[in-house]
Amino acid sequence: MTPLLNKGDYVFCTIKNIQTIPQNKILGSFREAEGFTVIIEKSIADELKLPYSYISAWITLNVHSSLDAVGLTAAFSNALAKENIGCNVVAAYYHDHIFVDQKDAAKAMEVLRQLSADNS
């Protein structure tokens, strides 16, 4: 597992109509009963005047993780929790993506690199 810190600030917003945001600007989305949650760059949310409460860093785990794999999410979320770093995880087809508070990005990278080294 090689963590990669992507550039930028990312936010989670909730909207009723996903068509109000250009599809190529949405990093991720999920439909909930209350509306759509979208993950977008902070600058886009600011431009569209969308409210958010959490500015995050986006970390990609460069390991092809199977969607039915057992234990990987628990391992990295527990390691981050031990350092008092909360995380929001998106499991995509090829990689897991972790969103942590922007202020915790450097420490999270350190924790994930150490976890990777300990398991190699």
PDB file of N, CA and C in Angstrom:
ATOM      1  N   MET A   1       0.852  -1.178   0.000  1.00  0.00           N
ATOM      2  CA  MET A   1       0.000   0.000   0.000  1.00  0.00           C
ATOM      3  C   MET A   1       0.888   1.226   0.000  1.00  0.00           C
ATOM      4  N   THR A   2       0.817   2.003  -1.042  1.00  0.00           N
ATOM      5  CA  THR A   2       1.573   3.242  -1.120  1.00  0.00           C
ATOM      6  C   THR A   2       0.590   4.406  -1.136  1.00  0.00           C
ATOM      7  N   PRO A   3       0.528   5.175  -0.035  1.00  0.00           N
ATOM      8  CA  PRO A   3      -0.415   6.291  -0.015  1.00  0.00           C
ATOM      9  C   PRO A   3       0.087   7.456  -0.867  1.00  0.00           C
ATOM     10  N   LEU A   4      -0.831   8.092  -1.558  1.00  0.00           N
ATOM     11  CA  LEU A   4      -0.524   9.262  -2.388  1.00  0.00           C
ATOM     12  C   LEU A   4      -1.431  10.398  -1.943  1.00  0.00           C
ATOM     13  N   LEU A   5      -0.824  11.514  -1.531  1.00  0.00           N
ATOM     14  CA  LEU A   5      -1.589  12.696  -1.146  1.00  0.00           C
ATOM     15  C   LEU A   5      -1.865  13.506  -2.406  1.00  0.00           C
ATOM     16  N   ASN A   6      -3.134  13.574  -2.783  1.00  0.00           N
ATOM     17  CA  ASN A   6      -3.529  14.352  -3.952  1.00  0.00           C
ATOM     18  C   ASN A   6      -3.537  15.833  -3.593  1.00  0.00           C
ATOM     19  N   LYS A   7      -3.230  16.672  -4.553  1.00  0.00           N
ATOM     20  CA  LYS A   7      -3.218  18.112  -4.321  1.00  0.00           C
ATOM     21  C   LYS A   7      -4.634  18.639  -4.182  1.00  0.00           C
ATOM     22  N   GLY A   8      -4.792  19.659  -3.355  1.00  0.00           N
ATOM     23  CA  GLY A   8      -6.069  20.352  -3.272  1.00  0.00           C
ATOM     24  C   GLY A   8      -6.802  20.166  -1.961  1.00  0.00           C
ATOM     25  N   ASP A   9      -7.858  20.940  -1.834  1.00  0.00           N
ATOM     26  CA  ASP A   9      -8.777  20.878  -0.706  1.00  0.00           C
ATOM     27  C   ASP A   9     -10.102  20.341  -1.221  1.00  0.00           C
ATOM     28  N   TYR A  10     -10.699  19.415  -0.490  1.00  0.00           N
ATOM     29  CA  TYR A  10     -11.923  18.759  -0.922  1.00  0.00           C
ATOM     30  C   TYR A  10     -12.987  18.891   0.152  1.00  0.00           C
ATOM     31  N   VAL A  11     -14.241  18.979  -0.281  1.00  0.00           N
ATOM     32  CA  VAL A  11     -15.355  19.122   0.650  1.00  0.00           C
ATOM     33  C   VAL A  11     -16.482  18.174   0.274  1.00  0.00           C
ATOM     34  N   PHE A  12     -17.292  17.870   1.263  1.00  0.00           N
ATOM     35  CA  PHE A  12     -18.501  17.073   1.081  1.00  0.00           C
ATOM     36  C   PHE A  12     -19.674  18.048   1.164  1.00  0.00           C
ATOM     37  N   CYS A  13     -20.512  18.044   0.159  1.00  0.00           N
ATOM     38  CA  CYS A  13     -21.696  18.911   0.126  1.00  0.00           C
ATOM     39  C   CYS A  13     -22.919  18.043  -0.122  1.00  0.00           C
ATOM     40  N   THR A  14     -24.052  18.531   0.292  1.00  0.00           N
ATOM     41  CA  THR A  14     -25.292  17.841  -0.022  1.00  0.00           C
ATOM     42  C   THR A  14     -26.148  18.760  -0.878  1.00  0.00           C
ATOM     43  N   ILE A  15     -26.713  18.180  -1.926  1.00  0.00           N
ATOM     44  CA  ILE A  15     -27.538  18.934  -2.867  1.00  0.00           C
ATOM     45  C   ILE A  15     -28.767  18.103  -3.219  1.00  0.00           C
ATOM     46  N   LYS A  16     -29.814  18.762  -3.620  1.00  0.00           N
ATOM     47  CA  LYS A  16     -31.045  18.056  -4.015  1.00  0.00           C
ATOM     48  C   LYS A  16     -30.978  17.589  -5.464  1.00  0.00           C
ATOM     49  N   ASN A  17     -30.374  18.422  -6.324  1.00  0.00           N
ATOM     50  CA  ASN A  17     -30.338  18.119  -7.759  1.00  0.00           C
ATOM     51  C   ASN A  17     -28.884  18.038  -8.224  1.00  0.00           C
ATOM     52  N   ILE A  18     -28.442  16.851  -8.547  1.00  0.00           N
ATOM     53  CA  ILE A  18     -27.046  16.651  -8.953  1.00  0.00           C
ATOM     54  C   ILE A  18     -26.731  17.315 -10.296  1.00  0.00           C
ATOM     55  N   GLN A  19     -27.769  17.639 -11.049  1.00  0.00           N
ATOM     56  CA  GLN A  19     -27.567  18.292 -12.353  1.00  0.00           C
ATOM     57  C   GLN A  19     -27.068  19.728 -12.211  1.00  0.00           C
ATOM     58  N   THR A  20     -27.094  20.281 -11.003  1.00  0.00           N
ATOM     59  CA  THR A  20     -26.647  21.660 -10.792  1.00  0.00           C
ATOM     60  C   THR A  20     -25.126  21.786 -10.793  1.00  0.00           C
ATOM     61  N   ILE A  21     -24.435  20.643 -10.784  1.00  0.00           N
ATOM     62  CA  ILE A  21     -22.977  20.641 -10.794  1.00  0.00           C
ATOM     63  C   ILE A  21     -22.512  19.909 -12.047  1.00  0.00           C
ATOM     64  N   PRO A  22     -21.609  20.516 -12.823  1.00  0.00           N
ATOM     65  CA  PRO A  22     -21.086  19.795 -13.995  1.00  0.00           C
ATOM     66  C   PRO A  22     -20.482  18.453 -13.574  1.00  0.00           C
ATOM     67  N   GLN A  23     -20.866  17.387 -14.241  1.00  0.00           N
ATOM     68  CA  GLN A  23     -20.420  16.034 -13.880  1.00  0.00           C
ATOM     69  C   GLN A  23     -18.905  15.896 -13.820  1.00  0.00           C
ATOM     70  N   ASN A  24     -18.188  16.616 -14.680  1.00  0.00           N
ATOM     71  CA  ASN A  24     -16.723  16.497 -14.689  1.00  0.00           C
ATOM     72  C   ASN A  24     -16.072  17.197 -13.496  1.00  0.00           C
ATOM     73  N   LYS A  25     -16.856  17.882 -12.682  1.00  0.00           N
ATOM     74  CA  LYS A  25     -16.343  18.557 -11.482  1.00  0.00           C
ATOM     75  C   LYS A  25     -16.567  17.729 -10.221  1.00  0.00           C
ATOM     76  N   ILE A  26     -17.364  16.668 -10.329  1.00  0.00           N
ATOM     77  CA  ILE A  26     -17.685  15.829  -9.172  1.00  0.00           C
ATOM     78  C   ILE A  26     -16.660  14.714  -9.048  1.00  0.00           C
ATOM     79  N   LEU A  27     -15.994  14.673  -7.898  1.00  0.00           N
ATOM     80  CA  LEU A  27     -15.032  13.603  -7.650  1.00  0.00           C
ATOM     81  C   LEU A  27     -15.762  12.314  -7.273  1.00  0.00           C
ATOM     82  N   GLY A  28     -16.787  12.443  -6.461  1.00  0.00           N
ATOM     83  CA  GLY A  28     -17.564  11.286  -6.049  1.00  0.00           C
ATOM     84  C   GLY A  28     -18.947  11.720  -5.621  1.00  0.00           C
ATOM     85  N   SER A  29     -19.893  10.788  -5.667  1.00  0.00           N
ATOM     86  CA  SER A  29     -21.253  11.117  -5.241  1.00  0.00           C
ATOM     87  C   SER A  29     -21.942   9.877  -4.687  1.00  0.00           C
ATOM     88  N   PHE A  30     -22.939  10.155  -3.867  1.00  0.00           N
ATOM     89  CA  PHE A  30     -23.756   9.075  -3.323  1.00  0.00           C
ATOM     90  C   PHE A  30     -25.151   9.620  -3.092  1.00  0.00           C
ATOM     91  N   ARG A  31     -26.154   8.874  -3.537  1.00  0.00           N
ATOM     92  CA  ARG A  31     -27.539   9.296  -3.363  1.00  0.00           C
ATOM     93  C   ARG A  31     -28.056   8.778  -2.029  1.00  0.00           C
ATOM     94  N   GLU A  32     -28.561   9.703  -1.216  1.00  0.00           N
ATOM     95  CA  GLU A  32     -29.155   9.362   0.067  1.00  0.00           C
ATOM     96  C   GLU A  32     -30.599   9.850   0.058  1.00  0.00           C
ATOM     97  N   ALA A  33     -31.376   9.456   1.036  1.00  0.00           N
ATOM     98  CA  ALA A  33     -32.784   9.860   1.102  1.00  0.00           C
ATOM     99  C   ALA A  33     -32.918  11.387   1.141  1.00  0.00           C
ATOM    100  N   GLU A  34     -31.957  12.053   1.773  1.00  0.00           N
ATOM    101  CA  GLU A  34     -32.034  13.504   1.931  1.00  0.00           C
ATOM    102  C   GLU A  34     -31.562  14.280   0.703  1.00  0.00           C
ATOM    103  N   GLY A  35     -30.886  13.624  -0.208  1.00  0.00           N
ATOM    104  CA  GLY A  35     -30.338  14.284  -1.395  1.00  0.00           C
ATOM    105  C   GLY A  35     -29.056  13.599  -1.817  1.00  0.00           C
ATOM    106  N   PHE A  36     -28.279  14.269  -2.640  1.00  0.00           N
ATOM    107  CA  PHE A  36     -27.008  13.727  -3.112  1.00  0.00           C
ATOM    108  C   PHE A  36     -25.868  14.307  -2.291  1.00  0.00           C
ATOM    109  N   THR A  37     -24.983  13.446  -1.832  1.00  0.00           N
ATOM    110  CA  THR A  37     -23.722  13.899  -1.252  1.00  0.00           C
ATOM    111  C   THR A  37     -22.723  13.906  -2.390  1.00  0.00           C
ATOM    112  N   VAL A  38     -22.026  15.019  -2.549  1.00  0.00           N
ATOM    113  CA  VAL A  38     -20.990  15.110  -3.579  1.00  0.00           C
ATOM    114  C   VAL A  38     -19.675  15.489  -2.926  1.00  0.00           C
ATOM    115  N   ILE A  39     -18.610  14.939  -3.458  1.00  0.00           N
ATOM    116  CA  ILE A  39     -17.258  15.301  -3.043  1.00  0.00           C
ATOM    117  C   ILE A  39     -16.682  16.107  -4.194  1.00  0.00           C
ATOM    118  N   ILE A  40     -16.316  17.334  -3.897  1.00  0.00           N
ATOM    119  CA  ILE A  40     -15.795  18.229  -4.930  1.00  0.00           C
ATOM    120  C   ILE A  40     -14.660  19.069  -4.359  1.00  0.00           C
ATOM    121  N   GLU A  41     -13.927  19.697  -5.251  1.00  0.00           N
ATOM    122  CA  GLU A  41     -12.889  20.610  -4.797  1.00  0.00           C
ATOM    123  C   GLU A  41     -13.539  21.792  -4.095  1.00  0.00           C
ATOM    124  N   LYS A  42     -12.907  22.252  -3.047  1.00  0.00           N
ATOM    125  CA  LYS A  42     -13.429  23.368  -2.263  1.00  0.00           C
ATOM    126  C   LYS A  42     -13.673  24.592  -3.134  1.00  0.00           C
ATOM    127  N   SER A  43     -12.772  24.859  -4.069  1.00  0.00           N
ATOM    128  CA  SER A  43     -12.912  26.047  -4.927  1.00  0.00           C
ATOM    129  C   SER A  43     -14.205  25.992  -5.747  1.00  0.00           C
ATOM    130  N   ILE A  44     -14.601  24.802  -6.163  1.00  0.00           N
ATOM    131  CA  ILE A  44     -15.844  24.653  -6.932  1.00  0.00           C
ATOM    132  C   ILE A  44     -17.052  24.882  -6.026  1.00  0.00           C
ATOM    133  N   ALA A  45     -16.996  24.335  -4.812  1.00  0.00           N
ATOM    134  CA  ALA A  45     -18.087  24.562  -3.860  1.00  0.00           C
ATOM    135  C   ALA A  45     -18.221  26.050  -3.552  1.00  0.00           C
ATOM    136  N   ASP A  46     -17.091  26.723  -3.384  1.00  0.00           N
ATOM    137  CA  ASP A  46     -17.126  28.162  -3.112  1.00  0.00           C
ATOM    138  C   ASP A  46     -17.730  28.918  -4.297  1.00  0.00           C
ATOM    139  N   GLU A  47     -17.318  28.552  -5.490  1.00  0.00           N
ATOM    140  CA  GLU A  47     -17.829  29.192  -6.704  1.00  0.00           C
ATOM    141  C   GLU A  47     -19.345  29.013  -6.834  1.00  0.00           C
ATOM    142  N   LEU A  48     -19.828  27.811  -6.489  1.00  0.00           N
ATOM    143  CA  LEU A  48     -21.260  27.511  -6.584  1.00  0.00           C
ATOM    144  C   LEU A  48     -22.032  27.892  -5.317  1.00  0.00           C
ATOM    145  N   LYS A  49     -21.299  28.449  -4.339  1.00  0.00           N
ATOM    146  CA  LYS A  49     -21.894  28.874  -3.063  1.00  0.00           C
ATOM    147  C   LYS A  49     -22.590  27.713  -2.339  1.00  0.00           C
ATOM    148  N   LEU A  50     -21.940  26.554  -2.365  1.00  0.00           N
ATOM    149  CA  LEU A  50     -22.463  25.378  -1.671  1.00  0.00           C
ATOM    150  C   LEU A  50     -21.905  25.337  -0.248  1.00  0.00           C
ATOM    151  N   PRO A  51     -22.748  25.088   0.735  1.00  0.00           N
ATOM    152  CA  PRO A  51     -22.247  25.001   2.115  1.00  0.00           C
ATOM    153  C   PRO A  51     -21.509  23.691   2.368  1.00  0.00           C
ATOM    154  N   TYR A  52     -20.541  23.749   3.253  1.00  0.00           N
ATOM    155  CA  TYR A  52     -19.797  22.566   3.704  1.00  0.00           C
ATOM    156  C   TYR A  52     -19.284  22.860   5.104  1.00  0.00           C
ATOM    157  N   SER A  53     -18.917  21.830   5.822  1.00  0.00           N
ATOM    158  CA  SER A  53     -18.449  22.031   7.194  1.00  0.00           C
ATOM    159  C   SER A  53     -17.086  21.395   7.449  1.00  0.00           C
ATOM    160  N   TYR A  54     -16.514  20.814   6.427  1.00  0.00           N
ATOM    161  CA  TYR A  54     -15.316  19.984   6.616  1.00  0.00           C
ATOM    162  C   TYR A  54     -14.444  20.129   5.385  1.00  0.00           C
ATOM    163  N   ILE A  55     -13.218  20.578   5.589  1.00  0.00           N
ATOM    164  CA  ILE A  55     -12.262  20.684   4.479  1.00  0.00           C
ATOM    165  C   ILE A  55     -11.266  19.552   4.633  1.00  0.00           C
ATOM    166  N   SER A  56     -11.165  18.734   3.601  1.00  0.00           N
ATOM    167  CA  SER A  56     -10.346  17.531   3.719  1.00  0.00           C
ATOM    168  C   SER A  56      -9.242  17.462   2.681  1.00  0.00           C
ATOM    169  N   ALA A  57      -8.294  16.608   3.021  1.00  0.00           N
ATOM    170  CA  ALA A  57      -7.255  16.198   2.087  1.00  0.00           C
ATOM    171  C   ALA A  57      -7.682  14.837   1.545  1.00  0.00           C
ATOM    172  N   TRP A  58      -7.270  14.541   0.322  1.00  0.00           N
ATOM    173  CA  TRP A  58      -7.632  13.289  -0.340  1.00  0.00           C
ATOM    174  C   TRP A  58      -6.378  12.440  -0.513  1.00  0.00           C
ATOM    175  N   ILE A  59      -6.395  11.260   0.077  1.00  0.00           N
ATOM    176  CA  ILE A  59      -5.283  10.311  -0.007  1.00  0.00           C
ATOM    177  C   ILE A  59      -5.762   9.080  -0.770  1.00  0.00           C
ATOM    178  N   THR A  60      -5.005   8.694  -1.783  1.00  0.00           N
ATOM    179  CA  THR A  60      -5.295   7.479  -2.543  1.00  0.00           C
ATOM    180  C   THR A  60      -4.322   6.392  -2.097  1.00  0.00           C
ATOM    181  N   LEU A  61      -4.847   5.210  -1.816  1.00  0.00           N
ATOM    182  CA  LEU A  61      -3.982   4.069  -1.497  1.00  0.00           C
ATOM    183  C   LEU A  61      -3.679   3.339  -2.797  1.00  0.00           C
ATOM    184  N   ASN A  62      -2.443   3.396  -3.201  1.00  0.00           N
ATOM    185  CA  ASN A  62      -2.040   2.780  -4.466  1.00  0.00           C
ATOM    186  C   ASN A  62      -1.749   1.298  -4.278  1.00  0.00           C
ATOM    187  N   VAL A  63      -2.820   0.592  -4.033  1.00  0.00           N
ATOM    188  CA  VAL A  63      -2.799  -0.861  -4.006  1.00  0.00           C
ATOM    189  C   VAL A  63      -4.140  -1.268  -4.583  1.00  0.00           C
ATOM    190  N   HIS A  64      -4.128  -2.240  -5.491  1.00  0.00           N
ATOM    191  CA  HIS A  64      -5.398  -2.700  -6.059  1.00  0.00           C
ATOM    192  C   HIS A  64      -6.086  -3.543  -4.996  1.00  0.00           C
ATOM    193  N   SER A  65      -7.101  -2.957  -4.364  1.00  0.00           N
ATOM    194  CA  SER A  65      -7.812  -3.677  -3.310  1.00  0.00           C
ATOM    195  C   SER A  65      -9.137  -4.195  -3.856  1.00  0.00           C
ATOM    196  N   SER A  66      -9.372  -5.453  -3.647  1.00  0.00           N
ATOM    197  CA  SER A  66     -10.615  -6.075  -4.088  1.00  0.00           C
ATOM    198  C   SER A  66     -11.779  -5.513  -3.284  1.00  0.00           C
ATOM    199  N   LEU A  67     -12.921  -5.352  -3.923  1.00  0.00           N
ATOM    200  CA  LEU A  67     -14.092  -4.836  -3.221  1.00  0.00           C
ATOM    201  C   LEU A  67     -14.577  -5.784  -2.122  1.00  0.00           C
ATOM    202  N   ASP A  68     -14.194  -7.062  -2.190  1.00  0.00           N
ATOM    203  CA  ASP A  68     -14.601  -7.996  -1.142  1.00  0.00           C
ATOM    204  C   ASP A  68     -13.458  -8.353  -0.192  1.00  0.00           C
ATOM    205  N   ALA A  69     -12.374  -7.581  -0.241  1.00  0.00           N
ATOM    206  CA  ALA A  69     -11.239  -7.824   0.651  1.00  0.00           C
ATOM    207  C   ALA A  69     -11.654  -7.584   2.102  1.00  0.00           C
ATOM    208  N   VAL A  70     -11.039  -8.307   3.001  1.00  0.00           N
ATOM    209  CA  VAL A  70     -11.346  -8.195   4.418  1.00  0.00           C
ATOM    210  C   VAL A  70     -10.133  -7.642   5.159  1.00  0.00           C
ATOM    211  N   GLY A  71     -10.336  -6.595   5.942  1.00  0.00           N
ATOM    212  CA  GLY A  71      -9.299  -6.137   6.860  1.00  0.00           C
ATOM    213  C   GLY A  71      -8.540  -4.880   6.502  1.00  0.00           C
ATOM    214  N   LEU A  72      -8.438  -4.528   5.216  1.00  0.00           N
ATOM    215  CA  LEU A  72      -7.635  -3.363   4.853  1.00  0.00           C
ATOM    216  C   LEU A  72      -8.205  -2.077   5.440  1.00  0.00           C
ATOM    217  N   THR A  73      -9.501  -1.866   5.287  1.00  0.00           N
ATOM    218  CA  THR A  73     -10.121  -0.646   5.822  1.00  0.00           C
ATOM    219  C   THR A  73      -9.958  -0.581   7.337  1.00  0.00           C
ATOM    220  N   ALA A  74     -10.163  -1.695   8.002  1.00  0.00           N
ATOM    221  CA  ALA A  74     -10.004  -1.734   9.458  1.00  0.00           C
ATOM    222  C   ALA A  74      -8.572  -1.410   9.857  1.00  0.00           C
ATOM    223  N   ALA A  75      -7.608  -1.932   9.117  1.00  0.00           N
ATOM    224  CA  ALA A  75      -6.200  -1.705   9.457  1.00  0.00           C
ATOM    225  C   ALA A  75      -5.841  -0.229   9.371  1.00  0.00           C
ATOM    226  N   PHE A  76      -6.167   0.416   8.251  1.00  0.00           N
ATOM    227  CA  PHE A  76      -5.743   1.812   8.155  1.00  0.00           C
ATOM    228  C   PHE A  76      -6.618   2.742   8.986  1.00  0.00           C
ATOM    229  N   SER A  77      -7.910   2.435   9.135  1.00  0.00           N
ATOM    230  CA  SER A  77      -8.746   3.317   9.963  1.00  0.00           C
ATOM    231  C   SER A  77      -8.360   3.208  11.439  1.00  0.00           C
ATOM    232  N   ASN A  78      -7.992   2.011  11.890  1.00  0.00           N
ATOM    233  CA  ASN A  78      -7.528   1.846  13.271  1.00  0.00           C
ATOM    234  C   ASN A  78      -6.201   2.560  13.505  1.00  0.00           C
ATOM    235  N   ALA A  79      -5.293   2.460  12.541  1.00  0.00           N
ATOM    236  CA  ALA A  79      -3.997   3.139  12.672  1.00  0.00           C
ATOM    237  C   ALA A  79      -4.196   4.649  12.752  1.00  0.00           C
ATOM    238  N   LEU A  80      -5.082   5.176  11.925  1.00  0.00           N
ATOM    239  CA  LEU A  80      -5.365   6.613  11.963  1.00  0.00           C
ATOM    240  C   LEU A  80      -6.073   6.996  13.263  1.00  0.00           C
ATOM    241  N   ALA A  81      -7.005   6.180  13.710  1.00  0.00           N
ATOM    242  CA  ALA A  81      -7.739   6.468  14.945  1.00  0.00           C
ATOM    243  C   ALA A  81      -6.805   6.532  16.143  1.00  0.00           C
ATOM    244  N   LYS A  82      -5.786   5.675  16.169  1.00  0.00           N
ATOM    245  CA  LYS A  82      -4.814   5.690  17.275  1.00  0.00           C
ATOM    246  C   LYS A  82      -4.090   7.031  17.363  1.00  0.00           C
ATOM    247  N   GLU A  83      -4.039   7.751  16.258  1.00  0.00           N
ATOM    248  CA  GLU A  83      -3.406   9.074  16.218  1.00  0.00           C
ATOM    249  C   GLU A  83      -4.451  10.192  16.267  1.00  0.00           C
ATOM    250  N   ASN A  84      -5.699   9.814  16.594  1.00  0.00           N
ATOM    251  CA  ASN A  84      -6.811  10.758  16.690  1.00  0.00           C
ATOM    252  C   ASN A  84      -7.103  11.460  15.357  1.00  0.00           C
ATOM    253  N   ILE A  85      -6.983  10.695  14.278  1.00  0.00           N
ATOM    254  CA  ILE A  85      -7.276  11.198  12.930  1.00  0.00           C
ATOM    255  C   ILE A  85      -8.509  10.473  12.422  1.00  0.00           C
ATOM    256  N   GLY A  86      -9.570  11.230  12.224  1.00  0.00           N
ATOM    257  CA  GLY A  86     -10.778  10.662  11.648  1.00  0.00           C
ATOM    258  C   GLY A  86     -10.610  10.513  10.146  1.00  0.00           C
ATOM    259  N   CYS A  87     -11.332   9.580   9.553  1.00  0.00           N
ATOM    260  CA  CYS A  87     -11.233   9.412   8.105  1.00  0.00           C
ATOM    261  C   CYS A  87     -12.581   9.033   7.515  1.00  0.00           C
ATOM    262  N   ASN A  88     -12.781   9.470   6.304  1.00  0.00           N
ATOM    263  CA  ASN A  88     -13.942   9.089   5.498  1.00  0.00           C
ATOM    264  C   ASN A  88     -13.392   8.307   4.321  1.00  0.00           C
ATOM    265  N   VAL A  89     -13.892   7.121   4.123  1.00  0.00           N
ATOM    266  CA  VAL A  89     -13.333   6.202   3.136  1.00  0.00           C
ATOM    267  C   VAL A  89     -14.292   6.007   1.972  1.00  0.00           C
ATOM    268  N   VAL A  90     -13.745   6.073   0.773  1.00  0.00           N
ATOM    269  CA  VAL A  90     -14.490   5.743  -0.434  1.00  0.00           C
ATOM    270  C   VAL A  90     -13.762   4.570  -1.087  1.00  0.00           C
ATOM    271  N   ALA A  91     -14.453   3.456  -1.198  1.00  0.00           N
ATOM    272  CA  ALA A  91     -13.888   2.295  -1.876  1.00  0.00           C
ATOM    273  C   ALA A  91     -14.321   2.365  -3.335  1.00  0.00           C
ATOM    274  N   ALA A  92     -13.373   2.597  -4.212  1.00  0.00           N
ATOM    275  CA  ALA A  92     -13.661   2.617  -5.637  1.00  0.00           C
ATOM    276  C   ALA A  92     -13.233   1.276  -6.232  1.00  0.00           C
ATOM    277  N   TYR A  93     -13.374   1.129  -7.531  1.00  0.00           N
ATOM    278  CA  TYR A  93     -13.113  -0.166  -8.165  1.00  0.00           C
ATOM    279  C   TYR A  93     -11.657  -0.608  -7.994  1.00  0.00           C
ATOM    280  N   TYR A  94     -10.723   0.300  -8.223  1.00  0.00           N
ATOM    281  CA  TYR A  94      -9.311  -0.071  -8.168  1.00  0.00           C
ATOM    282  C   TYR A  94      -8.607   0.286  -6.871  1.00  0.00           C
ATOM    283  N   HIS A  95      -9.022   1.352  -6.220  1.00  0.00           N
ATOM    284  CA  HIS A  95      -8.295   1.836  -5.042  1.00  0.00           C
ATOM    285  C   HIS A  95      -9.245   2.313  -3.961  1.00  0.00           C
ATOM    286  N   ASP A  96      -8.712   2.358  -2.744  1.00  0.00           N
ATOM    287  CA  ASP A  96      -9.422   3.005  -1.648  1.00  0.00           C
ATOM    288  C   ASP A  96      -8.941   4.444  -1.576  1.00  0.00           C
ATOM    289  N   HIS A  97      -9.860   5.338  -1.233  1.00  0.00           N
ATOM    290  CA  HIS A  97      -9.556   6.759  -1.136  1.00  0.00           C
ATOM    291  C   HIS A  97      -9.966   7.213   0.258  1.00  0.00           C
ATOM    292  N   ILE A  98      -9.077   7.918   0.911  1.00  0.00           N
ATOM    293  CA  ILE A  98      -9.298   8.337   2.290  1.00  0.00           C
ATOM    294  C   ILE A  98      -9.327   9.861   2.330  1.00  0.00           C
ATOM    295  N   PHE A  99     -10.334  10.391   2.986  1.00  0.00           N
ATOM    296  CA  PHE A  99     -10.434  11.838   3.175  1.00  0.00           C
ATOM    297  C   PHE A  99     -10.239  12.109   4.655  1.00  0.00           C
ATOM    298  N   VAL A 100      -9.236  12.928   4.967  1.00  0.00           N
ATOM    299  CA  VAL A 100      -8.934  13.305   6.343  1.00  0.00           C
ATOM    300  C   VAL A 100      -8.969  14.824   6.438  1.00  0.00           C
ATOM    301  N   ASP A 101      -9.165  15.321   7.639  1.00  0.00           N
ATOM    302  CA  ASP A 101      -9.138  16.765   7.837  1.00  0.00           C
ATOM    303  C   ASP A 101      -7.824  17.307   7.274  1.00  0.00           C
ATOM    304  N   GLN A 102      -7.920  18.410   6.547  1.00  0.00           N
ATOM    305  CA  GLN A 102      -6.742  18.974   5.884  1.00  0.00           C
ATOM    306  C   GLN A 102      -5.587  19.186   6.872  1.00  0.00           C
ATOM    307  N   LYS A 103      -5.904  19.593   8.101  1.00  0.00           N
ATOM    308  CA  LYS A 103      -4.848  19.835   9.090  1.00  0.00           C
ATOM    309  C   LYS A 103      -4.132  18.546   9.503  1.00  0.00           C
ATOM    310  N   ASP A 104      -4.744  17.397   9.251  1.00  0.00           N
ATOM    311  CA  ASP A 104      -4.160  16.097   9.620  1.00  0.00           C
ATOM    312  C   ASP A 104      -3.465  15.392   8.461  1.00  0.00           C
ATOM    313  N   ALA A 105      -3.392  16.016   7.304  1.00  0.00           N
ATOM    314  CA  ALA A 105      -2.895  15.336   6.098  1.00  0.00           C
ATOM    315  C   ALA A 105      -1.473  14.806   6.258  1.00  0.00           C
ATOM    316  N   ALA A 106      -0.566  15.635   6.731  1.00  0.00           N
ATOM    317  CA  ALA A 106       0.834  15.201   6.850  1.00  0.00           C
ATOM    318  C   ALA A 106       0.967  14.053   7.844  1.00  0.00           C
ATOM    319  N   LYS A 107       0.308  14.163   8.980  1.00  0.00           N
ATOM    320  CA  LYS A 107       0.372  13.101   9.988  1.00  0.00           C
ATOM    321  C   LYS A 107      -0.268  11.819   9.455  1.00  0.00           C
ATOM    322  N   ALA A 108      -1.376  11.941   8.745  1.00  0.00           N
ATOM    323  CA  ALA A 108      -2.029  10.757   8.174  1.00  0.00           C
ATOM    324  C   ALA A 108      -1.103  10.055   7.189  1.00  0.00           C
ATOM    325  N   MET A 109      -0.412  10.827   6.372  1.00  0.00           N
ATOM    326  CA  MET A 109       0.535  10.219   5.422  1.00  0.00           C
ATOM    327  C   MET A 109       1.639   9.474   6.165  1.00  0.00           C
ATOM    328  N   GLU A 110       2.128  10.066   7.234  1.00  0.00           N
ATOM    329  CA  GLU A 110       3.165   9.425   8.047  1.00  0.00           C
ATOM    330  C   GLU A 110       2.649   8.102   8.619  1.00  0.00           C
ATOM    331  N   VAL A 111       1.442   8.112   9.166  1.00  0.00           N
ATOM    332  CA  VAL A 111       0.842   6.903   9.747  1.00  0.00           C
ATOM    333  C   VAL A 111       0.659   5.831   8.678  1.00  0.00           C
ATOM    334  N   LEU A 112       0.142   6.213   7.519  1.00  0.00           N
ATOM    335  CA  LEU A 112      -0.103   5.240   6.448  1.00  0.00           C
ATOM    336  C   LEU A 112       1.196   4.676   5.885  1.00  0.00           C
ATOM    337  N   ARG A 113       2.209   5.511   5.765  1.00  0.00           N
ATOM    338  CA  ARG A 113       3.517   5.009   5.289  1.00  0.00           C
ATOM    339  C   ARG A 113       4.095   4.014   6.284  1.00  0.00           C
ATOM    340  N   GLN A 114       3.971   4.328   7.569  1.00  0.00           N
ATOM    341  CA  GLN A 114       4.476   3.427   8.609  1.00  0.00           C
ATOM    342  C   GLN A 114       3.711   2.106   8.604  1.00  0.00           C
ATOM    343  N   LEU A 115       2.407   2.185   8.443  1.00  0.00           N
ATOM    344  CA  LEU A 115       1.585   0.964   8.377  1.00  0.00           C
ATOM    345  C   LEU A 115       2.011   0.118   7.188  1.00  0.00           C
ATOM    346  N   SER A 116       2.265   0.755   6.067  1.00  0.00           N
ATOM    347  CA  SER A 116       2.701   0.045   4.868  1.00  0.00           C
ATOM    348  C   SER A 116       4.056  -0.627   5.095  1.00  0.00           C
ATOM    349  N   ALA A 117       4.971   0.103   5.721  1.00  0.00           N
ATOM    350  CA  ALA A 117       6.311  -0.450   6.001  1.00  0.00           C
ATOM    351  C   ALA A 117       6.229  -1.620   6.968  1.00  0.00           C
ATOM    352  N   ASP A 118       5.366  -1.511   7.966  1.00  0.00           N
ATOM    353  CA  ASP A 118       5.231  -2.581   8.971  1.00  0.00           C
ATOM    354  C   ASP A 118       4.644  -3.855   8.359  1.00  0.00           C
ATOM    355  N   ASN A 119       3.892  -3.715   7.261  1.00  0.00           N
ATOM    356  CA  ASN A 119       3.231  -4.876   6.653  1.00  0.00           C
ATOM    357  C   ASN A 119       3.924  -5.377   5.394  1.00  0.00           C
ATOM    358  N   SER A 120       5.115  -4.858   5.119  1.00  0.00           N
ATOM    359  CA  SER A 120       5.808  -5.334   3.903  1.00  0.00           C
ATOM    360  C   SER A 120       6.850  -6.381   4.218  1.00  0.00           C
TER     361      SER A 120
END
